Protein backbone atom coordinates (compact mmCIF):
# COMPACT_ATOMS: atom_id res chain seq x y z
CA MET A 1 -0.12 -0.09 0.08
CA SER A 2 1.67 3.09 -1.15
CA LYS A 3 1.62 6.45 1.27
CA GLN A 4 -1.22 8.17 -0.53
CA GLU A 5 -3.33 4.95 -0.35
CA GLU A 6 -3.00 4.56 3.60
CA ALA A 7 -3.56 8.18 4.18
CA ARG A 8 -6.88 7.51 2.54
CA ALA A 9 -8.02 4.68 4.30
CA GLN A 10 -6.75 6.34 7.64
CA PHE A 11 -8.97 9.01 6.56
CA MET A 12 -11.96 7.07 6.00
CA ALA A 13 -11.25 5.05 9.66
CA LEU A 14 -10.65 8.79 11.10
CA ALA A 15 -14.30 9.47 9.74
CA LYS A 16 -15.92 6.75 11.18
CA ALA A 17 -14.77 6.82 14.28
CA ILE A 18 -16.03 10.28 14.77
CA ASP A 19 -19.14 9.53 14.08
CA ARG A 20 -19.12 6.31 16.67
CA VAL A 21 -18.30 8.75 18.99
CA TRP A 22 -21.14 11.62 18.10
CA LEU A 23 -23.15 7.98 18.41
CA ASP A 24 -22.18 7.00 21.59
CA THR A 25 -22.00 10.07 23.23
CA ARG A 26 -24.89 11.73 22.26
CA ARG A 27 -26.59 11.27 25.94
CA SER A 28 -23.28 12.06 27.63
CA GLY A 29 -21.68 15.84 28.65
CA PHE A 30 -20.12 18.47 26.94
CA THR A 31 -16.88 17.67 28.71
CA ASP A 32 -17.19 13.71 27.96
CA VAL A 33 -17.43 14.54 24.21
CA VAL A 34 -14.89 16.46 23.94
CA ARG A 35 -12.35 13.96 25.69
CA GLU A 36 -13.87 10.88 23.86
CA TYR A 37 -12.57 13.17 20.17
CA ARG A 38 -9.47 13.94 21.85
CA ARG A 39 -8.88 10.59 22.47
CA VAL A 40 -9.35 9.70 18.84
CA GLU A 41 -7.17 12.62 17.50
CA ALA A 42 -4.30 11.12 19.35
CA GLU A 43 -4.62 7.63 18.13
CA PHE A 44 -4.76 8.92 14.83
CA VAL A 45 -1.86 11.22 14.72
CA ALA A 46 -0.50 8.55 15.83
CA ARG A 47 -1.19 6.50 13.29
CA LEU A 48 0.78 8.70 10.79
CA ASN A 49 2.79 10.83 12.94
CA ASP A 50 5.42 11.41 10.07
CA ASP A 51 2.67 12.33 7.62
CA ALA A 52 1.99 16.69 8.20
CA HIS A 53 -0.82 17.03 5.66
CA PHE A 54 -2.71 14.14 7.59
CA VAL A 55 -2.05 15.58 11.02
CA LEU A 56 -3.14 18.92 9.92
CA GLU A 57 -6.39 17.26 8.55
CA THR A 58 -7.18 15.00 11.56
CA ARG A 59 -6.74 18.23 13.71
CA ARG A 60 -8.90 19.95 12.01
CA ARG A 61 -12.13 17.52 11.94
CA ILE A 62 -11.32 16.91 15.52
CA ALA A 63 -11.81 20.53 15.65
CA GLU A 64 -14.81 20.65 13.53
CA ALA A 65 -16.74 18.15 16.04
CA ILE A 66 -16.18 19.70 18.96
CA LEU A 67 -17.35 22.94 17.83
CA CYS A 68 -20.27 20.99 16.41
CA ALA A 69 -20.57 19.44 19.57
CA ALA A 70 -20.52 23.11 21.38
CA HIS A 71 -22.84 24.04 18.86
CA ASP A 72 -25.51 20.87 20.32
CA HIS A 73 -24.46 21.19 24.13
CA HIS A 74 -24.66 24.65 24.59
CA PRO A 75 -21.52 25.26 27.03
CA PRO A 76 -20.70 28.84 27.81
CA LEU A 77 -19.95 30.55 24.91
CA GLU A 78 -16.14 31.12 26.06
CA VAL A 79 -16.12 27.58 25.68
CA CYS A 80 -17.57 27.98 22.10
CA ARG A 81 -15.58 30.55 21.40
CA GLU A 82 -12.38 28.52 22.47
CA ALA A 83 -13.30 25.79 19.81
CA TRP A 84 -13.94 28.65 17.34
CA ASN A 85 -10.56 30.01 17.81
CA ASP A 86 -9.00 26.52 17.37
CA LEU A 87 -10.41 25.80 14.50
CA VAL A 88 -9.22 29.27 12.74
CA ARG A 89 -6.05 28.39 13.93
CA LEU A 90 -5.60 25.44 12.22
CA GLY A 91 -7.30 26.56 9.26
CA PHE A 92 -10.72 25.33 7.26
CA THR A 93 -10.00 22.50 4.34
CA ASP A 94 -12.21 24.70 1.98
CA LEU A 95 -14.73 27.00 1.70
CA PHE A 96 -17.77 24.73 2.39
CA THR A 97 -16.43 23.36 5.69
CA ARG A 98 -15.51 27.50 6.34
CA ARG A 99 -19.07 28.20 5.50
CA THR A 100 -20.44 25.88 7.72
CA MET A 101 -18.37 25.73 10.68
CA THR A 102 -18.85 29.74 10.64
CA TRP A 103 -22.30 29.03 10.70
CA PHE A 104 -22.11 26.91 13.80
CA TYR A 105 -20.16 29.45 16.11
CA ALA A 106 -22.51 32.52 14.72
CA ASP A 107 -25.74 30.65 15.82
CA CYS A 108 -23.67 29.75 19.03
CA CYS A 109 -23.68 33.76 19.30
CA ARG A 110 -27.38 34.08 18.35
CA TYR A 111 -28.13 31.54 21.27
CA ASP A 112 -26.18 33.48 23.53
CA GLU A 113 -27.25 36.94 22.21
CA GLN A 114 -23.79 38.03 21.35
CA PHE A 115 -25.19 39.67 17.89
CA GLU A 116 -22.41 41.99 17.18
CA GLU A 117 -19.76 38.75 17.97
CA GLY A 118 -22.19 36.81 15.49
CA LEU A 119 -22.34 39.22 12.94
CA ALA A 120 -18.68 40.17 12.94
CA VAL A 121 -18.13 36.55 12.26
CA LEU A 122 -20.66 36.17 9.27
CA ALA A 123 -19.71 39.57 7.68
CA PRO A 124 -16.59 38.46 5.88
CA LEU A 125 -17.79 35.49 4.66
CA ILE A 126 -21.18 36.86 3.26
CA ALA A 127 -18.85 39.96 1.45
CA GLU A 128 -16.39 37.00 0.24
CA LEU A 129 -19.30 35.15 -1.32
CA GLU A 130 -20.90 38.09 -2.76
CA ARG A 131 -18.26 38.86 -4.59
CA ALA A 132 -17.48 36.11 -5.37
CA LEU A 133 -21.52 35.50 -6.82
CA GLU A 134 -20.88 38.85 -9.06
CA GLU A 135 -17.58 37.61 -10.60
CA ASN A 136 -19.57 34.11 -11.70
CA LYS A 137 -22.34 36.30 -13.03
CA VAL A 138 -19.92 38.39 -15.13
CA ALA A 139 -17.99 35.15 -16.39
CA GLN A 140 -21.33 33.56 -17.04
CA LYS A 141 -20.46 30.64 -14.90
CA SER A 142 -23.12 28.20 -12.46
CA THR A 143 -23.82 30.77 -9.88
CA GLY A 144 -26.36 27.99 -7.60
CA SER A 145 -23.76 27.05 -5.03
CA TYR A 146 -22.72 30.91 -3.88
CA GLU A 147 -26.62 31.54 -4.03
CA GLN A 148 -27.59 28.67 -1.72
CA GLU A 149 -24.51 29.14 0.58
CA LEU A 150 -25.54 32.96 0.92
CA GLU A 151 -29.11 32.19 1.35
CA THR A 152 -28.15 30.07 4.49
CA LEU A 153 -25.56 32.56 5.69
CA CYS A 154 -27.95 35.79 5.54
CA ASP A 155 -31.00 33.67 7.19
CA LEU A 156 -28.81 33.26 10.35
CA LYS A 157 -27.71 37.12 9.52
CA GLY A 158 -30.88 38.21 9.76
CA ALA A 159 -31.96 36.45 12.89
CA LEU A 160 -28.76 38.07 14.30
CA LEU A 161 -29.99 41.62 13.31
CA ALA A 162 -33.46 40.89 14.46
CA GLN A 163 -31.84 40.36 18.02
CA GLN A 164 -29.99 43.45 17.41
CA ARG A 165 -33.78 45.17 17.38
CA GLY A 166 -34.97 43.70 20.38
CA LEU A 167 -37.36 41.12 18.42
CA ILE A 168 -37.73 37.52 19.58
CA ASP A 169 -37.92 34.71 16.71
CA PRO A 170 -40.16 32.26 18.10
CA GLU A 171 -38.61 29.43 16.13
CA ARG A 172 -35.01 29.45 17.93
CA SER A 173 -34.31 28.96 21.26
CA THR A 174 -31.70 31.08 23.17
CA ARG A 175 -30.24 30.46 26.60
CA ARG A 176 -31.95 33.52 28.34
CA LEU A 177 -35.57 31.81 27.06
CA ASP A 178 -34.29 28.26 28.36
CA GLU A 179 -32.96 29.09 31.80
CA ALA A 180 -36.80 31.31 31.82
CA ASN A 181 -38.57 27.92 30.93
CA PRO A 182 -36.75 24.72 32.38
CA PRO A 183 -38.32 21.80 31.77
CA THR A 184 -40.88 20.42 33.78
CA PRO A 185 -40.11 17.26 35.71
CA GLU A 186 -42.89 16.09 33.34
CA GLU A 187 -41.16 16.93 30.32
CA GLU A 188 -37.86 15.42 31.81
CA ARG A 189 -39.88 12.26 32.05
CA SER A 190 -41.31 12.39 28.36
CA ASP A 191 -37.42 13.25 26.62
CA ALA A 192 -36.07 10.31 28.96
CA LEU A 193 -38.40 8.14 27.63
CA TRP A 194 -38.25 9.27 24.24
CA ASP A 195 -34.28 9.06 24.23
CA GLU A 196 -35.03 5.34 25.41
CA PHE A 197 -37.38 4.73 22.44
CA SER A 198 -34.86 6.06 19.99
CA GLU A 199 -32.25 3.83 21.09
CA ALA A 200 -33.74 1.16 20.62
CA CYS A 201 -34.76 1.80 17.22
CA LEU A 202 -30.84 2.75 16.29
CA ALA A 203 -30.40 -0.42 17.62
CA VAL A 204 -32.42 -1.92 15.46
CA TRP A 205 -31.06 0.17 12.23
CA LYS A 206 -27.86 -0.99 13.11
CA THR A 207 -28.48 -3.92 12.60
CA PHE A 208 -29.59 -4.00 8.61
CA ALA A 209 -28.24 -0.48 7.62
CA ARG A 210 -24.75 -1.33 6.57
CA THR A 211 -25.02 -5.13 6.03
CA ARG A 212 -28.38 -5.43 4.64
CA GLU A 213 -28.39 -9.17 5.77
CA ARG A 214 -31.25 -9.50 7.91
CA SER A 215 -34.46 -10.42 6.39
CA PHE A 216 -37.54 -7.65 6.41
CA ALA A 217 -39.22 -9.85 8.14
CA ASP A 218 -36.74 -10.09 10.73
CA VAL A 219 -36.18 -6.38 11.05
CA ALA A 220 -40.02 -5.70 10.89
CA ALA A 221 -40.44 -7.62 13.82
CA HIS A 222 -37.92 -6.73 15.62
CA TYR A 223 -39.13 -2.85 15.06
CA ARG A 224 -42.89 -4.25 16.52
CA ARG A 225 -41.32 -5.45 19.62
CA VAL A 226 -39.70 -2.11 20.44
CA GLU A 227 -43.33 -0.30 19.35
CA ALA A 228 -44.92 -3.14 21.47
CA ASP A 229 -42.56 -2.73 24.96
CA PHE A 230 -43.36 0.92 24.80
CA THR A 231 -46.99 0.51 24.39
CA ALA A 232 -46.78 -1.57 27.31
CA ARG A 233 -45.20 0.77 29.56
CA ALA A 234 -47.73 3.50 28.41
CA ARG A 235 -50.39 1.17 30.47
CA GLU A 236 -48.50 2.55 33.38
CA ASP A 237 -46.97 5.86 32.65
CA GLU A 238 -48.79 9.26 31.66
CA ALA A 239 -45.59 10.51 30.45
CA ALA A 240 -45.33 7.55 27.63
CA GLN A 241 -48.94 7.61 27.03
CA ASP A 242 -48.46 10.99 25.37
CA LEU A 243 -46.09 9.97 22.86
CA LEU A 244 -47.66 6.34 22.18
CA LEU A 245 -48.72 8.58 18.83
CA SER A 246 -45.45 9.75 18.31
CA VAL A 247 -43.81 6.33 19.11
CA LYS A 248 -46.50 5.19 16.19
CA LYS A 249 -45.59 7.11 13.56
CA ASP A 250 -41.48 7.00 14.14
CA ILE A 251 -42.12 2.86 13.84
CA ALA A 252 -44.00 3.28 10.55
CA ASP A 253 -41.64 5.29 9.33
CA ALA A 254 -38.66 3.31 10.36
CA LEU A 255 -40.58 0.26 8.35
CA LEU A 256 -40.97 2.13 5.20
CA LYS A 257 -37.14 3.13 5.27
CA ALA A 258 -36.67 -0.83 6.21
CA ALA A 259 -39.01 -2.00 3.19
CA THR A 260 -37.34 0.17 0.69
CA MET A 261 -33.31 -0.29 1.83
CA LEU A 262 -34.26 -3.85 1.70
CA GLU A 263 -35.71 -3.93 -1.92
CA GLN A 264 -38.92 -5.33 -0.80
CA PRO A 265 -41.64 -6.06 -3.65
CA PHE A 266 -43.92 -3.24 -4.11
CA GLU A 267 -46.80 -4.71 -2.04
CA VAL A 268 -44.81 -4.67 0.77
CA CYS A 269 -43.72 -1.12 0.27
CA ARG A 270 -47.03 0.06 -0.62
CA GLU A 271 -48.60 -1.58 2.91
CA ALA A 272 -46.01 0.37 4.65
CA TRP A 273 -46.69 3.76 3.19
CA ASP A 274 -50.13 3.38 3.49
CA GLU A 275 -49.96 3.01 7.55
CA VAL A 276 -47.53 6.06 7.30
CA VAL A 277 -50.03 8.21 5.10
CA ARG A 278 -52.74 6.59 7.31
CA LEU A 279 -50.50 8.34 10.44
CA GLY A 280 -49.97 11.61 8.93
CA PHE A 281 -47.17 13.92 8.72
CA PRO A 282 -46.10 16.49 11.07
CA ASP A 283 -44.82 18.55 8.06
CA LEU A 284 -43.60 18.82 5.06
CA TRP A 285 -40.22 18.10 5.22
CA GLU A 286 -41.47 14.57 6.92
CA GLN A 287 -43.67 13.89 4.03
CA CYS A 288 -40.69 14.35 1.04
CA GLN A 289 -38.72 12.15 3.10
CA MET A 290 -41.20 9.72 2.90
CA ALA A 291 -42.52 10.35 -0.41
CA GLY A 292 -39.09 10.18 -2.09
CA MET A 293 -38.58 6.88 -0.46
CA TYR A 294 -41.88 5.41 -1.51
CA ALA A 295 -41.54 6.86 -5.20
CA GLY A 296 -38.02 5.55 -5.75
CA ALA A 297 -39.41 2.08 -4.36
CA CYS A 298 -42.17 2.44 -7.18
CA LEU A 299 -39.65 3.06 -9.76
CA ARG A 300 -37.09 -0.23 -8.60
CA THR A 301 -40.50 -2.22 -8.69
CA HIS A 302 -41.87 -0.80 -12.09
CA LYS A 303 -45.22 0.43 -10.62
CA PRO A 304 -44.42 4.41 -12.56
CA ASP A 305 -48.37 5.77 -11.83
CA GLU A 306 -48.28 4.94 -8.14
CA GLY A 307 -44.82 7.01 -7.98
CA LEU A 308 -46.47 9.94 -10.40
CA ALA A 309 -49.81 9.85 -7.80
CA VAL A 310 -47.52 10.37 -5.27
CA LEU A 311 -44.96 13.20 -6.62
CA GLU A 312 -47.06 15.29 -8.65
CA PRO A 313 -48.82 17.04 -5.96
CA LEU A 314 -45.89 17.02 -3.96
CA ILE A 315 -44.05 18.54 -6.79
CA ALA A 316 -47.03 21.43 -7.18
CA GLU A 317 -47.15 22.31 -3.30
CA LEU A 318 -43.05 22.61 -3.50
CA GLU A 319 -43.32 25.05 -6.27
CA HIS A 320 -46.01 26.77 -4.75
CA GLY A 321 -43.78 26.82 -1.79
CA LEU A 322 -40.69 28.19 -3.07
CA GLU A 323 -42.77 31.31 -4.64
CA ALA A 324 -44.31 32.07 -1.48
CA GLU A 325 -41.18 31.81 0.40
CA LEU A 326 -39.04 33.49 -2.73
CA ARG A 327 -41.93 36.36 -2.48
CA ARG A 328 -42.26 37.02 1.17
CA ARG A 329 -38.08 37.20 1.00
CA SER A 330 -38.55 40.23 -1.97
CA GLU A 331 -41.11 41.73 0.34
CA ALA A 332 -38.84 42.24 3.11
CA ARG A 333 -35.59 43.17 1.18
CA ALA A 334 -38.03 45.64 -0.54
CA LYS A 335 -38.35 47.19 3.20
CA GLY A 336 -34.51 47.39 3.70
CA GLU A 337 -34.96 43.85 5.91
CA VAL A 338 -32.83 41.05 5.86
CA PRO A 339 -35.22 38.23 5.99
CA MET A 340 -35.68 35.77 9.04
CA GLN A 341 -35.98 32.51 8.19
CA ALA A 342 -39.62 30.85 8.79
CA GLY A 343 -40.01 27.42 8.01
CA LEU A 344 -38.30 25.90 5.15
CA THR A 345 -35.80 27.91 3.07
CA PRO A 346 -35.85 28.36 -0.76
CA LYS A 347 -32.51 25.74 -1.07
CA TYR A 348 -34.71 22.95 0.66
CA TYR A 349 -37.49 23.92 -1.77
CA ARG A 350 -35.31 23.47 -4.84
CA ASP A 351 -33.03 20.71 -3.86
CA MET A 352 -36.12 18.53 -3.37
CA LEU A 353 -37.83 19.81 -6.41
CA ARG A 354 -35.00 18.97 -8.13
CA SER A 355 -34.36 15.82 -6.98
CA PHE A 356 -38.22 15.09 -7.11
CA VAL A 357 -38.58 16.63 -11.02
CA GLU A 358 -35.64 14.20 -11.87
CA LEU A 359 -37.30 10.89 -10.14
CA ARG A 360 -40.40 11.89 -11.67
CA ASP A 361 -38.99 12.14 -15.00
CA LYS A 362 -37.93 8.58 -14.66
CA LEU A 363 -41.00 7.71 -13.85
CA GLU A 364 -42.46 9.00 -16.88
CA ALA A 365 -40.21 7.49 -18.91
CA GLN A 366 -40.83 3.97 -17.41
CA ARG A 367 -44.42 4.39 -17.90
CA ARG A 368 -43.51 5.08 -21.84
CA GLY A 369 -41.44 2.27 -21.79
CA ALA A 370 -38.54 3.97 -22.67
């Protein structure tokens, strides 16, 4: 194995190790999470300590993981700032990583209502992307990626500017609001039960998602046991009773995912889809996720009419949603305001439309016998 091949293999192993820490420490405190990431960093630096590029990239990826953990766990802003400064010192692998990590840190600032610091971090990156966007327009090059990056960053900028004006965004929590409204014992009990349920579902997922060696019948029976166990607990636990509908919905989603991933016959996928529809969708995002899986199964099993019947109304709804969101943002800009995010972003609408239109075209071609 050449040095380059060895480094490539180690990068893949590093990515898996980082993912494993994320999975294994989701219920741990921030200090424990950082300790596990540092352990992984030391292990991988020691493996190729004579490869300066590998060592630098390892330290960068661990720094990125720690900043993401800080964003999730909400330690004091000083801790988040330290994680951000560590990453800035190491440098960013590419513009995409810089954009992503900048967003995470600026959102940490938003959570602590340090809007000036958040805006100061965002400003140079937004200006750089705006210049690149204009240069690509002049050169008649693609601008889609820059527009999407700016959309995401400007949404956060809008939230920070709203804080500066003393406005509260009901869609985004802050430390002050969270501390003023701590969870009740009942809510904490409900959260703990949901975590237990989620862990049980994740354990099932791990048994087939990578190897695909279990039969669907076996996987489905395993998910149903998880559901039955929770339902039995709900008879004696009021907090569990309140979660029953959500549990049933999640199990239905999990069964549809398993049926499509394990490439079951159409009838099996159709039955799973009907159950998901019967229980309803909490939002358009969830509906699109499930519909995309089912329509893909329809394409695989040569059932184009069934797939098109699901996709076509959703495409129309997404087109309408995109138009309305763009209009809302345009009206805000006309007033001299930076639009705040309100629900799904134009990027989401465009990405989902692109995916669904591509799938629709394949289904239509299949129906024509092409």
